[in-house]
């Protein structure tokens, strides 16, 4: 994996997490205004597909779903899973061949 590939993946990761943060923000605004909400399943799915840092940042900064169980525990588990995957890719570089090289 070249440095350009790493930069592309980092940009994609940042963009996804900013998108997830903005979706959590929208859900928080909808909660305050009594509007239609985004389902917890959808919020967790967005975290699972790579937006866990954006989800946790939104949860902490916006004080959104901080007391809701099992949501809180599932989100923490997703964050731990993502950390483990990143650590595995960092310490076992031959696994990086599993990532698509072009996107």
PDB file of N, CA and C in Angstrom:
ATOM      1  N   UNK A   1       0.856  -1.167   0.000  1.00  0.00           N
ATOM      2  CA  UNK A   1       0.000   0.000   0.000  1.00  0.00           C
ATOM      3  C   UNK A   1       0.904   1.233   0.000  1.00  0.00           C
ATOM      4  N   UNK A   2       0.687   2.084  -0.971  1.00  0.00           N
ATOM      5  CA  UNK A   2       1.508   3.284  -1.097  1.00  0.00           C
ATOM      6  C   UNK A   2       0.985   4.385  -0.179  1.00  0.00           C
ATOM      7  N   UNK A   3       1.782   5.442  -0.064  1.00  0.00           N
ATOM      8  CA  UNK A   3       1.372   6.584   0.756  1.00  0.00           C
ATOM      9  C   UNK A   3       0.119   7.238   0.176  1.00  0.00           C
ATOM     10  N   UNK A   4      -0.014   7.250  -1.120  1.00  0.00           N
ATOM     11  CA  UNK A   4      -1.211   7.807  -1.761  1.00  0.00           C
ATOM     12  C   UNK A   4      -2.445   7.006  -1.356  1.00  0.00           C
ATOM     13  N   UNK A   5      -2.305   5.689  -1.323  1.00  0.00           N
ATOM     14  CA  UNK A   5      -3.416   4.836  -0.886  1.00  0.00           C
ATOM     15  C   UNK A   5      -3.795   5.132   0.558  1.00  0.00           C
ATOM     16  N   UNK A   6      -2.791   5.303   1.408  1.00  0.00           N
ATOM     17  CA  UNK A   6      -3.056   5.611   2.813  1.00  0.00           C
ATOM     18  C   UNK A   6      -3.786   6.942   2.929  1.00  0.00           C
ATOM     19  N   UNK A   7      -3.372   7.926   2.160  1.00  0.00           N
ATOM     20  CA  UNK A   7      -4.026   9.242   2.187  1.00  0.00           C
ATOM     21  C   UNK A   7      -5.459   9.137   1.690  1.00  0.00           C
ATOM     22  N   UNK A   8      -5.685   8.369   0.637  1.00  0.00           N
ATOM     23  CA  UNK A   8      -7.049   8.173   0.134  1.00  0.00           C
ATOM     24  C   UNK A   8      -7.939   7.540   1.197  1.00  0.00           C
ATOM     25  N   UNK A   9      -7.432   6.491   1.854  1.00  0.00           N
ATOM     26  CA  UNK A   9      -8.210   5.822   2.901  1.00  0.00           C
ATOM     27  C   UNK A   9      -8.464   6.751   4.076  1.00  0.00           C
ATOM     28  N   UNK A  10      -7.467   7.549   4.439  1.00  0.00           N
ATOM     29  CA  UNK A  10      -7.637   8.495   5.551  1.00  0.00           C
ATOM     30  C   UNK A  10      -8.692   9.549   5.201  1.00  0.00           C
ATOM     31  N   UNK A  11      -8.675  10.046   3.972  1.00  0.00           N
ATOM     32  CA  UNK A  11      -9.666  11.029   3.541  1.00  0.00           C
ATOM     33  C   UNK A  11     -11.064  10.412   3.546  1.00  0.00           C
ATOM     34  N   UNK A  12     -11.178   9.196   3.045  1.00  0.00           N
ATOM     35  CA  UNK A  12     -12.468   8.503   3.041  1.00  0.00           C
ATOM     36  C   UNK A  12     -12.973   8.294   4.464  1.00  0.00           C
ATOM     37  N   UNK A  13     -12.079   7.892   5.354  1.00  0.00           N
ATOM     38  CA  UNK A  13     -12.421   7.680   6.757  1.00  0.00           C
ATOM     39  C   UNK A  13     -12.891   8.989   7.403  1.00  0.00           C
ATOM     40  N   UNK A  14     -12.176  10.076   7.153  1.00  0.00           N
ATOM     41  CA  UNK A  14     -12.554  11.379   7.697  1.00  0.00           C
ATOM     42  C   UNK A  14     -13.908  11.819   7.160  1.00  0.00           C
ATOM     43  N   UNK A  15     -14.116  11.687   5.867  1.00  0.00           N
ATOM     44  CA  UNK A  15     -15.389  12.094   5.260  1.00  0.00           C
ATOM     45  C   UNK A  15     -16.551  11.272   5.825  1.00  0.00           C
ATOM     46  N   UNK A  16     -16.365   9.984   5.972  1.00  0.00           N
ATOM     47  CA  UNK A  16     -17.414   9.127   6.523  1.00  0.00           C
ATOM     48  C   UNK A  16     -17.742   9.521   7.958  1.00  0.00           C
ATOM     49  N   UNK A  17     -16.726   9.791   8.760  1.00  0.00           N
ATOM     50  CA  UNK A  17     -16.961  10.146  10.151  1.00  0.00           C
ATOM     51  C   UNK A  17     -17.610  11.526  10.288  1.00  0.00           C
ATOM     52  N   UNK A  18     -17.273  12.451   9.418  1.00  0.00           N
ATOM     53  CA  UNK A  18     -17.955  13.752   9.414  1.00  0.00           C
ATOM     54  C   UNK A  18     -19.422  13.591   9.019  1.00  0.00           C
ATOM     55  N   UNK A  19     -19.683  12.717   8.066  1.00  0.00           N
ATOM     56  CA  UNK A  19     -21.065  12.444   7.661  1.00  0.00           C
ATOM     57  C   UNK A  19     -21.852  11.830   8.820  1.00  0.00           C
ATOM     58  N   UNK A  20     -21.267  10.862   9.492  1.00  0.00           N
ATOM     59  CA  UNK A  20     -21.945  10.218  10.622  1.00  0.00           C
ATOM     60  C   UNK A  20     -22.189  11.237  11.739  1.00  0.00           C
ATOM     61  N   UNK A  21     -21.212  12.076  12.019  1.00  0.00           N
ATOM     62  CA  UNK A  21     -21.399  13.122  13.036  1.00  0.00           C
ATOM     63  C   UNK A  21     -22.578  14.012  12.666  1.00  0.00           C
ATOM     64  N   UNK A  22     -22.657  14.411  11.400  1.00  0.00           N
ATOM     65  CA  UNK A  22     -23.748  15.294  10.975  1.00  0.00           C
ATOM     66  C   UNK A  22     -25.110  14.589  11.059  1.00  0.00           C
ATOM     67  N   UNK A  23     -25.148  13.294  10.825  1.00  0.00           N
ATOM     68  CA  UNK A  23     -26.407  12.542  10.945  1.00  0.00           C
ATOM     69  C   UNK A  23     -26.826  12.459  12.409  1.00  0.00           C
ATOM     70  N   UNK A  24     -25.886  12.235  13.302  1.00  0.00           N
ATOM     71  CA  UNK A  24     -26.194  12.243  14.739  1.00  0.00           C
ATOM     72  C   UNK A  24     -26.685  13.634  15.163  1.00  0.00           C
ATOM     73  N   UNK A  25     -26.065  14.676  14.626  1.00  0.00           N
ATOM     74  CA  UNK A  25     -26.505  16.045  14.921  1.00  0.00           C
ATOM     75  C   UNK A  25     -27.937  16.250  14.459  1.00  0.00           C
ATOM     76  N   UNK A  26     -28.248  15.779  13.275  1.00  0.00           N
ATOM     77  CA  UNK A  26     -29.613  15.899  12.744  1.00  0.00           C
ATOM     78  C   UNK A  26     -30.609  15.165  13.644  1.00  0.00           C
ATOM     79  N   UNK A  27     -30.234  13.981  14.113  1.00  0.00           N
ATOM     80  CA  UNK A  27     -31.120  13.226  14.995  1.00  0.00           C
ATOM     81  C   UNK A  27     -31.314  13.945  16.328  1.00  0.00           C
ATOM     82  N   UNK A  28     -30.260  14.551  16.833  1.00  0.00           N
ATOM     83  CA  UNK A  28     -30.367  15.314  18.091  1.00  0.00           C
ATOM     84  C   UNK A  28     -31.312  16.498  17.902  1.00  0.00           C
ATOM     85  N   UNK A  29     -31.194  17.195  16.774  1.00  0.00           N
ATOM     86  CA  UNK A  29     -32.086  18.325  16.490  1.00  0.00           C
ATOM     87  C   UNK A  29     -33.526  17.853  16.355  1.00  0.00           C
ATOM     88  N   UNK A  30     -33.724  16.723  15.701  1.00  0.00           N
ATOM     89  CA  UNK A  30     -35.078  16.172  15.556  1.00  0.00           C
ATOM     90  C   UNK A  30     -35.657  15.805  16.920  1.00  0.00           C
ATOM     91  N   UNK A  31     -34.831  15.293  17.811  1.00  0.00           N
ATOM     92  CA  UNK A  31     -35.293  14.943  19.157  1.00  0.00           C
ATOM     93  C   UNK A  31     -35.749  16.184  19.908  1.00  0.00           C
ATOM     94  N   UNK A  32     -34.990  17.241  19.793  1.00  0.00           N
ATOM     95  CA  UNK A  32     -35.343  18.497  20.474  1.00  0.00           C
ATOM     96  C   UNK A  32     -36.624  19.113  19.928  1.00  0.00           C
ATOM     97  N   UNK A  33     -36.856  18.950  18.630  1.00  0.00           N
ATOM     98  CA  UNK A  33     -37.993  19.597  17.975  1.00  0.00           C
ATOM     99  C   UNK A  33     -39.203  18.681  17.843  1.00  0.00           C
ATOM    100  N   UNK A  34     -39.103  17.469  18.361  1.00  0.00           N
ATOM    101  CA  UNK A  34     -40.223  16.533  18.295  1.00  0.00           C
ATOM    102  C   UNK A  34     -40.521  16.033  16.889  1.00  0.00           C
ATOM    103  N   UNK A  35     -39.515  16.008  16.033  1.00  0.00           N
ATOM    104  CA  UNK A  35     -39.679  15.548  14.660  1.00  0.00           C
ATOM    105  C   UNK A  35     -39.340  14.072  14.547  1.00  0.00           C
ATOM    106  N   UNK A  36     -39.522  13.555  13.340  1.00  0.00           N
ATOM    107  CA  UNK A  36     -39.216  12.150  13.079  1.00  0.00           C
ATOM    108  C   UNK A  36     -37.730  11.892  13.308  1.00  0.00           C
ATOM    109  N   UNK A  37     -37.426  10.784  13.995  1.00  0.00           N
ATOM    110  CA  UNK A  37     -36.062  10.453  14.397  1.00  0.00           C
ATOM    111  C   UNK A  37     -35.447   9.406  13.484  1.00  0.00           C
ATOM    112  N   UNK A  38     -34.142   9.304  13.547  1.00  0.00           N
ATOM    113  CA  UNK A  38     -33.397   8.265  12.852  1.00  0.00           C
ATOM    114  C   UNK A  38     -33.316   7.071  13.805  1.00  0.00           C
ATOM    115  N   UNK A  39     -33.567   5.883  13.303  1.00  0.00           N
ATOM    116  CA  UNK A  39     -33.609   4.707  14.180  1.00  0.00           C
ATOM    117  C   UNK A  39     -32.225   4.426  14.775  1.00  0.00           C
ATOM    118  N   UNK A  40     -32.250   3.842  15.971  1.00  0.00           N
ATOM    119  CA  UNK A  40     -30.986   3.460  16.614  1.00  0.00           C
ATOM    120  C   UNK A  40     -30.237   2.440  15.765  1.00  0.00           C
ATOM    121  N   UNK A  41     -30.960   1.560  15.133  1.00  0.00           N
ATOM    122  CA  UNK A  41     -30.337   0.554  14.263  1.00  0.00           C
ATOM    123  C   UNK A  41     -29.536   1.234  13.146  1.00  0.00           C
ATOM    124  N   UNK A  42     -30.111   2.268  12.539  1.00  0.00           N
ATOM    125  CA  UNK A  42     -29.421   2.996  11.478  1.00  0.00           C
ATOM    126  C   UNK A  42     -28.193   3.715  12.021  1.00  0.00           C
ATOM    127  N   UNK A  43     -28.329   4.348  13.176  1.00  0.00           N
ATOM    128  CA  UNK A  43     -27.195   5.050  13.779  1.00  0.00           C
ATOM    129  C   UNK A  43     -26.055   4.082  14.092  1.00  0.00           C
ATOM    130  N   UNK A  44     -26.385   2.919  14.613  1.00  0.00           N
ATOM    131  CA  UNK A  44     -25.354   1.922  14.911  1.00  0.00           C
ATOM    132  C   UNK A  44     -24.750   1.333  13.638  1.00  0.00           C
ATOM    133  N   UNK A  45     -25.562   1.140  12.615  1.00  0.00           N
ATOM    134  CA  UNK A  45     -25.045   0.632  11.342  1.00  0.00           C
ATOM    135  C   UNK A  45     -24.045   1.620  10.733  1.00  0.00           C
ATOM    136  N   UNK A  46     -24.357   2.906  10.821  1.00  0.00           N
ATOM    137  CA  UNK A  46     -23.428   3.924  10.319  1.00  0.00           C
ATOM    138  C   UNK A  46     -22.103   3.878  11.083  1.00  0.00           C
ATOM    139  N   UNK A  47     -22.183   3.648  12.377  1.00  0.00           N
ATOM    140  CA  UNK A  47     -20.958   3.506  13.173  1.00  0.00           C
ATOM    141  C   UNK A  47     -20.195   2.257  12.751  1.00  0.00           C
ATOM    142  N   UNK A  48     -20.911   1.177  12.531  1.00  0.00           N
ATOM    143  CA  UNK A  48     -20.275  -0.093  12.183  1.00  0.00           C
ATOM    144  C   UNK A  48     -19.559  -0.049  10.841  1.00  0.00           C
ATOM    145  N   UNK A  49     -20.103   0.648   9.872  1.00  0.00           N
ATOM    146  CA  UNK A  49     -19.471   0.674   8.543  1.00  0.00           C
ATOM    147  C   UNK A  49     -18.249   1.588   8.492  1.00  0.00           C
ATOM    148  N   UNK A  50     -17.893   2.168   9.617  1.00  0.00           N
ATOM    149  CA  UNK A  50     -16.654   2.953   9.656  1.00  0.00           C
ATOM    150  C   UNK A  50     -16.779   4.298  10.324  1.00  0.00           C
ATOM    151  N   UNK A  51     -17.960   4.662  10.759  1.00  0.00           N
ATOM    152  CA  UNK A  51     -18.159   5.975  11.354  1.00  0.00           C
ATOM    153  C   UNK A  51     -18.165   5.979  12.869  1.00  0.00           C
ATOM    154  N   UNK A  52     -17.450   5.049  13.479  1.00  0.00           N
ATOM    155  CA  UNK A  52     -17.508   4.931  14.945  1.00  0.00           C
ATOM    156  C   UNK A  52     -16.922   6.146  15.656  1.00  0.00           C
ATOM    157  N   UNK A  53     -15.849   6.714  15.135  1.00  0.00           N
ATOM    158  CA  UNK A  53     -15.277   7.896  15.789  1.00  0.00           C
ATOM    159  C   UNK A  53     -16.215   9.096  15.684  1.00  0.00           C
ATOM    160  N   UNK A  54     -16.843   9.264  14.545  1.00  0.00           N
ATOM    161  CA  UNK A  54     -17.822  10.340  14.391  1.00  0.00           C
ATOM    162  C   UNK A  54     -19.021  10.142  15.292  1.00  0.00           C
ATOM    163  N   UNK A  55     -19.438   8.892  15.447  1.00  0.00           N
ATOM    164  CA  UNK A  55     -20.576   8.577  16.308  1.00  0.00           C
ATOM    165  C   UNK A  55     -20.250   8.847  17.770  1.00  0.00           C
ATOM    166  N   UNK A  56     -19.082   8.415  18.215  1.00  0.00           N
ATOM    167  CA  UNK A  56     -18.687   8.638  19.607  1.00  0.00           C
ATOM    168  C   UNK A  56     -18.460  10.120  19.867  1.00  0.00           C
ATOM    169  N   UNK A  57     -17.857  10.816  18.913  1.00  0.00           N
ATOM    170  CA  UNK A  57     -17.658  12.261  19.071  1.00  0.00           C
ATOM    171  C   UNK A  57     -19.000  12.972  19.198  1.00  0.00           C
ATOM    172  N   UNK A  58     -19.953  12.603  18.357  1.00  0.00           N
ATOM    173  CA  UNK A  58     -21.288  13.211  18.419  1.00  0.00           C
ATOM    174  C   UNK A  58     -21.963  12.871  19.740  1.00  0.00           C
ATOM    175  N   UNK A  59     -21.819  11.636  20.157  1.00  0.00           N
ATOM    176  CA  UNK A  59     -22.441  11.210  21.411  1.00  0.00           C
ATOM    177  C   UNK A  59     -21.912  12.048  22.572  1.00  0.00           C
ATOM    178  N   UNK A  60     -20.622  12.273  22.613  1.00  0.00           N
ATOM    179  CA  UNK A  60     -20.023  13.008  23.724  1.00  0.00           C
ATOM    180  C   UNK A  60     -20.222  14.522  23.598  1.00  0.00           C
ATOM    181  N   UNK A  61     -19.971  15.075  22.419  1.00  0.00           N
ATOM    182  CA  UNK A  61     -20.068  16.530  22.245  1.00  0.00           C
ATOM    183  C   UNK A  61     -21.507  17.035  22.267  1.00  0.00           C
ATOM    184  N   UNK A  62     -22.416  16.235  21.703  1.00  0.00           N
ATOM    185  CA  UNK A  62     -23.811  16.657  21.627  1.00  0.00           C
ATOM    186  C   UNK A  62     -24.643  16.128  22.789  1.00  0.00           C
ATOM    187  N   UNK A  63     -24.028  15.279  23.620  1.00  0.00           N
ATOM    188  CA  UNK A  63     -24.741  14.624  24.719  1.00  0.00           C
ATOM    189  C   UNK A  63     -25.962  13.881  24.171  1.00  0.00           C
ATOM    190  N   UNK A  64     -25.717  13.089  23.142  1.00  0.00           N
ATOM    191  CA  UNK A  64     -26.788  12.393  22.443  1.00  0.00           C
ATOM    192  C   UNK A  64     -26.682  10.897  22.687  1.00  0.00           C
ATOM    193  N   UNK A  65     -27.719  10.318  23.259  1.00  0.00           N
ATOM    194  CA  UNK A  65     -27.810   8.888  23.543  1.00  0.00           C
ATOM    195  C   UNK A  65     -26.719   8.418  24.499  1.00  0.00           C
ATOM    196  N   UNK A  66     -26.381   9.241  25.463  1.00  0.00           N
ATOM    197  CA  UNK A  66     -25.328   8.882  26.418  1.00  0.00           C
ATOM    198  C   UNK A  66     -25.845   7.973  27.527  1.00  0.00           C
ATOM    199  N   UNK A  67     -27.142   7.980  27.781  1.00  0.00           N
ATOM    200  CA  UNK A  67     -27.699   7.140  28.846  1.00  0.00           C
ATOM    201  C   UNK A  67     -28.489   5.959  28.307  1.00  0.00           C
ATOM    202  N   UNK A  68     -28.579   5.855  27.022  1.00  0.00           N
ATOM    203  CA  UNK A  68     -29.413   4.840  26.377  1.00  0.00           C
ATOM    204  C   UNK A  68     -28.661   3.522  26.270  1.00  0.00           C
ATOM    205  N   UNK A  69     -29.157   2.504  26.972  1.00  0.00           N
ATOM    206  CA  UNK A  69     -28.589   1.159  26.873  1.00  0.00           C
ATOM    207  C   UNK A  69     -29.571   0.295  26.095  1.00  0.00           C
ATOM    208  N   UNK A  70     -29.160  -0.632  25.287  1.00  0.00           N
ATOM    209  CA  UNK A  70     -27.799  -1.101  25.058  1.00  0.00           C
ATOM    210  C   UNK A  70     -27.050  -0.308  23.992  1.00  0.00           C
ATOM    211  N   UNK A  71     -27.643   0.782  23.496  1.00  0.00           N
ATOM    212  CA  UNK A  71     -27.020   1.580  22.448  1.00  0.00           C
ATOM    213  C   UNK A  71     -25.586   1.954  22.815  1.00  0.00           C
ATOM    214  N   UNK A  72     -25.417   2.460  24.011  1.00  0.00           N
ATOM    215  CA  UNK A  72     -24.109   2.929  24.463  1.00  0.00           C
ATOM    216  C   UNK A  72     -23.081   1.804  24.455  1.00  0.00           C
ATOM    217  N   UNK A  73     -23.453   0.643  24.947  1.00  0.00           N
ATOM    218  CA  UNK A  73     -22.533  -0.498  25.004  1.00  0.00           C
ATOM    219  C   UNK A  73     -22.213  -1.034  23.613  1.00  0.00           C
ATOM    220  N   UNK A  74     -23.194  -1.074  22.749  1.00  0.00           N
ATOM    221  CA  UNK A  74     -22.959  -1.555  21.381  1.00  0.00           C
ATOM    222  C   UNK A  74     -22.022  -0.606  20.648  1.00  0.00           C
ATOM    223  N   UNK A  75     -22.225   0.695  20.824  1.00  0.00           N
ATOM    224  CA  UNK A  75     -21.347   1.679  20.182  1.00  0.00           C
ATOM    225  C   UNK A  75     -19.916   1.536  20.705  1.00  0.00           C
ATOM    226  N   UNK A  76     -19.753   1.318  21.989  1.00  0.00           N
ATOM    227  CA  UNK A  76     -18.410   1.106  22.557  1.00  0.00           C
ATOM    228  C   UNK A  76     -17.779  -0.156  21.976  1.00  0.00           C
ATOM    229  N   UNK A  77     -18.555  -1.211  21.815  1.00  0.00           N
ATOM    230  CA  UNK A  77     -18.037  -2.455  21.233  1.00  0.00           C
ATOM    231  C   UNK A  77     -17.603  -2.244  19.785  1.00  0.00           C
ATOM    232  N   UNK A  78     -18.357  -1.466  19.037  1.00  0.00           N
ATOM    233  CA  UNK A  78     -17.992  -1.164  17.642  1.00  0.00           C
ATOM    234  C   UNK A  78     -16.677  -0.393  17.608  1.00  0.00           C
ATOM    235  N   UNK A  79     -16.530   0.572  18.503  1.00  0.00           N
ATOM    236  CA  UNK A  79     -15.295   1.355  18.564  1.00  0.00           C
ATOM    237  C   UNK A  79     -14.100   0.455  18.890  1.00  0.00           C
ATOM    238  N   UNK A  80     -14.264  -0.462  19.818  1.00  0.00           N
ATOM    239  CA  UNK A  80     -13.194  -1.411  20.168  1.00  0.00           C
ATOM    240  C   UNK A  80     -12.873  -2.314  18.977  1.00  0.00           C
ATOM    241  N   UNK A  81     -13.897  -2.785  18.277  1.00  0.00           N
ATOM    242  CA  UNK A  81     -13.689  -3.613  17.088  1.00  0.00           C
ATOM    243  C   UNK A  81     -12.876  -2.858  16.037  1.00  0.00           C
ATOM    244  N   UNK A  82     -13.237  -1.607  15.787  1.00  0.00           N
ATOM    245  CA  UNK A  82     -12.500  -0.811  14.800  1.00  0.00           C
ATOM    246  C   UNK A  82     -11.055  -0.590  15.235  1.00  0.00           C
ATOM    247  N   UNK A  83     -10.847  -0.344  16.527  1.00  0.00           N
ATOM    248  CA  UNK A  83      -9.484  -0.184  17.032  1.00  0.00           C
ATOM    249  C   UNK A  83      -8.660  -1.440  16.837  1.00  0.00           C
ATOM    250  N   UNK A  84      -9.272  -2.583  17.095  1.00  0.00           N
ATOM    251  CA  UNK A  84      -8.577  -3.864  16.912  1.00  0.00           C
ATOM    252  C   UNK A  84      -8.238  -4.103  15.444  1.00  0.00           C
ATOM    253  N   UNK A  85      -9.162  -3.767  14.554  1.00  0.00           N
ATOM    254  CA  UNK A  85      -8.902  -3.948  13.124  1.00  0.00           C
ATOM    255  C   UNK A  85      -7.768  -3.044  12.646  1.00  0.00           C
ATOM    256  N   UNK A  86      -7.759  -1.813  13.101  1.00  0.00           N
ATOM    257  CA  UNK A  86      -6.685  -0.885  12.714  1.00  0.00           C
ATOM    258  C   UNK A  86      -5.349  -1.366  13.271  1.00  0.00           C
ATOM    259  N   UNK A  87      -5.352  -1.825  14.519  1.00  0.00           N
ATOM    260  CA  UNK A  87      -4.120  -2.352  15.114  1.00  0.00           C
ATOM    261  C   UNK A  87      -3.632  -3.572  14.340  1.00  0.00           C
ATOM    262  N   UNK A  88      -4.550  -4.447  13.957  1.00  0.00           N
ATOM    263  CA  UNK A  88      -4.165  -5.634  13.188  1.00  0.00           C
ATOM    264  C   UNK A  88      -3.547  -5.241  11.854  1.00  0.00           C
ATOM    265  N   UNK A  89      -4.138  -4.261  11.176  1.00  0.00           N
ATOM    266  CA  UNK A  89      -3.575  -3.822   9.893  1.00  0.00           C
ATOM    267  C   UNK A  89      -2.221  -3.155  10.073  1.00  0.00           C
ATOM    268  N   UNK A  90      -2.041  -2.457  11.206  1.00  0.00           N
ATOM    269  CA  UNK A  90      -0.773  -1.775  11.454  1.00  0.00           C
ATOM    270  C   UNK A  90       0.339  -2.763  11.813  1.00  0.00           C
ATOM    271  N   UNK A  91       0.006  -3.781  12.596  1.00  0.00           N
ATOM    272  CA  UNK A  91       1.029  -4.699  13.082  1.00  0.00           C
ATOM    273  C   UNK A  91       1.191  -5.951  12.230  1.00  0.00           C
ATOM    274  N   UNK A  92       0.234  -6.205  11.356  1.00  0.00           N
ATOM    275  CA  UNK A  92       0.334  -7.346  10.443  1.00  0.00           C
ATOM    276  C   UNK A  92       0.088  -6.809   9.032  1.00  0.00           C
ATOM    277  N   UNK A  93       1.078  -6.108   8.481  1.00  0.00           N
ATOM    278  CA  UNK A  93       0.877  -5.410   7.205  1.00  0.00           C
ATOM    279  C   UNK A  93       0.497  -6.299   6.031  1.00  0.00           C
ATOM    280  N   UNK A  94       0.819  -7.576   6.093  1.00  0.00           N
ATOM    281  CA  UNK A  94       0.457  -8.440   4.971  1.00  0.00           C
ATOM    282  C   UNK A  94      -1.054  -8.599   4.847  1.00  0.00           C
ATOM    283  N   UNK A  95      -1.818  -8.259   5.893  1.00  0.00           N
ATOM    284  CA  UNK A  95      -3.276  -8.318   5.814  1.00  0.00           C
ATOM    285  C   UNK A  95      -3.850  -7.165   4.998  1.00  0.00           C
ATOM    286  N   UNK A  96      -3.050  -6.128   4.759  1.00  0.00           N
ATOM    287  CA  UNK A  96      -3.565  -4.979   4.021  1.00  0.00           C
ATOM    288  C   UNK A  96      -3.912  -5.332   2.577  1.00  0.00           C
ATOM    289  N   UNK A  97      -3.438  -6.481   2.082  1.00  0.00           N
ATOM    290  CA  UNK A  97      -3.807  -6.882   0.720  1.00  0.00           C
ATOM    291  C   UNK A  97      -5.303  -7.147   0.613  1.00  0.00           C
ATOM    292  N   UNK A  98      -5.976  -7.349   1.729  1.00  0.00           N
ATOM    293  CA  UNK A  98      -7.407  -7.583   1.718  1.00  0.00           C
ATOM    294  C   UNK A  98      -8.207  -6.323   1.404  1.00  0.00           C
ATOM    295  N   UNK A  99      -7.585  -5.158   1.575  1.00  0.00           N
ATOM    296  CA  UNK A  99      -8.253  -3.898   1.277  1.00  0.00           C
ATOM    297  C   UNK A  99      -8.231  -3.650  -0.227  1.00  0.00           C
ATOM    298  N   UNK A 100      -9.311  -3.102  -0.777  1.00  0.00           N
ATOM    299  CA  UNK A 100      -9.307  -2.780  -2.202  1.00  0.00           C
ATOM    300  C   UNK A 100      -8.203  -1.742  -2.483  1.00  0.00           C
ATOM    301  N   UNK A 101      -7.471  -1.947  -3.542  1.00  0.00           N
ATOM    302  CA  UNK A 101      -6.365  -1.038  -3.859  1.00  0.00           C
ATOM    303  C   UNK A 101      -6.850   0.206  -4.629  1.00  0.00           C
ATOM    304  N   UNK A 102      -7.936   0.082  -5.318  1.00  0.00           N
ATOM    305  CA  UNK A 102      -8.476   1.206  -6.107  1.00  0.00           C
ATOM    306  C   UNK A 102      -9.916   1.472  -5.679  1.00  0.00           C
ATOM    307  N   UNK A 103     -10.261   2.730  -5.513  1.00  0.00           N
ATOM    308  CA  UNK A 103     -11.656   3.094  -5.274  1.00  0.00           C
ATOM    309  C   UNK A 103     -11.953   4.398  -5.923  1.00  0.00           C
TER     310      UNK A 103
END
